[in-house]
Amino acid sequence: MHANPAAAQLIPANAENRYEVTRADLPLSCPMPGMYLWNSHPKVYLPIVDDGGTSKCPYCGANYVLKD
């Protein structure tokens, strides 16, 4: 059985508690582009810059840290 190469590049949504992001990821949303969406919550935008470089998703509790 061959794995789907496109699926191998997806990030599991809501599976990790902490994600490091860069300014290239802005505007930041949870789930992020490239995450599995089938088991996720509605998209929410997080004001990570206004929050001082860290944001927490109100749906799943994932912590995002802006890494420059």
C-alpha atoms as a PDB file:
ATOM      1  CA  MET A   1       0.000   0.000   0.000  1.00  0.00           C
ATOM      2  CA  HIS A   2       1.365   3.413  -0.949  1.00  0.00           C
ATOM      3  CA  ALA A   3       0.870   6.440   1.277  1.00  0.00           C
ATOM      4  CA  ASN A   4      -0.586   9.570  -0.233  1.00  0.00           C
ATOM      5  CA  PRO A   5       2.385  11.992  -0.523  1.00  0.00           C
ATOM      6  CA  ALA A   6       0.107  15.047  -0.232  1.00  0.00           C
ATOM      7  CA  ALA A   7      -1.344  13.750   3.034  1.00  0.00           C
ATOM      8  CA  ALA A   8       2.146  13.170   4.436  1.00  0.00           C
ATOM      9  CA  GLN A   9       2.784  16.917   4.327  1.00  0.00           C
ATOM     10  CA  LEU A  10      -0.291  17.848   6.375  1.00  0.00           C
ATOM     11  CA  ILE A  11       0.055  18.860  10.022  1.00  0.00           C
ATOM     12  CA  PRO A  12      -2.306  17.159  12.481  1.00  0.00           C
ATOM     13  CA  ALA A  13      -4.737  19.847  13.663  1.00  0.00           C
ATOM     14  CA  ASN A  14      -5.321  20.225  17.382  1.00  0.00           C
ATOM     15  CA  ALA A  15      -2.951  17.340  18.110  1.00  0.00           C
ATOM     16  CA  GLU A  16      -0.060  19.363  19.462  1.00  0.00           C
ATOM     17  CA  ASN A  17      -0.299  21.843  22.251  1.00  0.00           C
ATOM     18  CA  ARG A  18       2.405  24.272  21.009  1.00  0.00           C
ATOM     19  CA  TYR A  19       3.240  25.552  17.536  1.00  0.00           C
ATOM     20  CA  GLU A  20       6.069  27.902  16.566  1.00  0.00           C
ATOM     21  CA  VAL A  21       5.122  30.279  13.760  1.00  0.00           C
ATOM     22  CA  THR A  22       6.904  33.032  11.844  1.00  0.00           C
ATOM     23  CA  ARG A  23       5.752  36.301  10.315  1.00  0.00           C
ATOM     24  CA  ALA A  24       5.370  34.398   7.030  1.00  0.00           C
ATOM     25  CA  ASP A  25       2.437  32.559   8.700  1.00  0.00           C
ATOM     26  CA  LEU A  26       0.560  35.817   9.380  1.00  0.00           C
ATOM     27  CA  PRO A  27      -2.309  36.420   9.520  1.00  0.00           C
ATOM     28  CA  LEU A  28      -2.396  33.515  11.947  1.00  0.00           C
ATOM     29  CA  SER A  29      -5.426  31.261  12.012  1.00  0.00           C
ATOM     30  CA  CYS A  30      -6.246  28.050  13.819  1.00  0.00           C
ATOM     31  CA  PRO A  31      -6.388  25.614  12.193  1.00  0.00           C
ATOM     32  CA  MET A  32      -3.469  26.777  10.056  1.00  0.00           C
ATOM     33  CA  PRO A  33      -3.286  26.137   6.304  1.00  0.00           C
ATOM     34  CA  GLY A  34      -1.817  22.701   5.783  1.00  0.00           C
ATOM     35  CA  MET A  35      -3.532  21.128   8.805  1.00  0.00           C
ATOM     36  CA  TYR A  36      -6.008  18.305   8.575  1.00  0.00           C
ATOM     37  CA  LEU A  37      -9.477  19.825   8.609  1.00  0.00           C
ATOM     38  CA  TRP A  38     -11.731  16.784   8.946  1.00  0.00           C
ATOM     39  CA  ASN A  39     -11.475  16.727  12.742  1.00  0.00           C
ATOM     40  CA  SER A  40     -11.001  20.417  13.376  1.00  0.00           C
ATOM     41  CA  HIS A  41     -13.005  23.355  14.679  1.00  0.00           C
ATOM     42  CA  PRO A  42     -14.151  26.470  12.775  1.00  0.00           C
ATOM     43  CA  LYS A  43     -11.316  28.743  11.645  1.00  0.00           C
ATOM     44  CA  VAL A  44     -10.469  31.543  14.056  1.00  0.00           C
ATOM     45  CA  TYR A  45      -7.896  34.287  13.496  1.00  0.00           C
ATOM     46  CA  LEU A  46      -5.475  34.908  16.357  1.00  0.00           C
ATOM     47  CA  PRO A  47      -3.921  38.361  17.014  1.00  0.00           C
ATOM     48  CA  ILE A  48      -0.492  36.981  17.903  1.00  0.00           C
ATOM     49  CA  VAL A  49       1.378  40.267  17.266  1.00  0.00           C
ATOM     50  CA  ASP A  50      -1.070  42.277  19.388  1.00  0.00           C
ATOM     51  CA  ASP A  51      -0.903  39.558  22.066  1.00  0.00           C
ATOM     52  CA  GLY A  52       2.852  40.071  22.501  1.00  0.00           C
ATOM     53  CA  GLY A  53       4.027  37.125  20.408  1.00  0.00           C
ATOM     54  CA  THR A  54       1.896  34.365  21.920  1.00  0.00           C
ATOM     55  CA  SER A  55      -1.736  33.414  21.324  1.00  0.00           C
ATOM     56  CA  LYS A  56      -3.987  30.631  22.519  1.00  0.00           C
ATOM     57  CA  CYS A  57      -6.799  29.212  20.405  1.00  0.00           C
ATOM     58  CA  PRO A  58     -10.138  29.594  22.200  1.00  0.00           C
ATOM     59  CA  TYR A  59     -11.459  26.393  20.593  1.00  0.00           C
ATOM     60  CA  CYS A  60      -8.726  23.786  21.030  1.00  0.00           C
ATOM     61  CA  GLY A  61      -6.299  25.470  23.419  1.00  0.00           C
ATOM     62  CA  ALA A  62      -3.332  25.222  21.036  1.00  0.00           C
ATOM     63  CA  ASN A  63      -0.572  27.662  21.974  1.00  0.00           C
ATOM     64  CA  TYR A  64       1.128  29.609  19.198  1.00  0.00           C
ATOM     65  CA  VAL A  65       4.485  31.329  19.666  1.00  0.00           C
ATOM     66  CA  LEU A  66       5.807  33.878  17.168  1.00  0.00           C
ATOM     67  CA  LYS A  67       9.450  33.085  16.427  1.00  0.00           C
ATOM     68  CA  ASP A  68      11.433  35.808  14.669  1.00  0.00           C
END
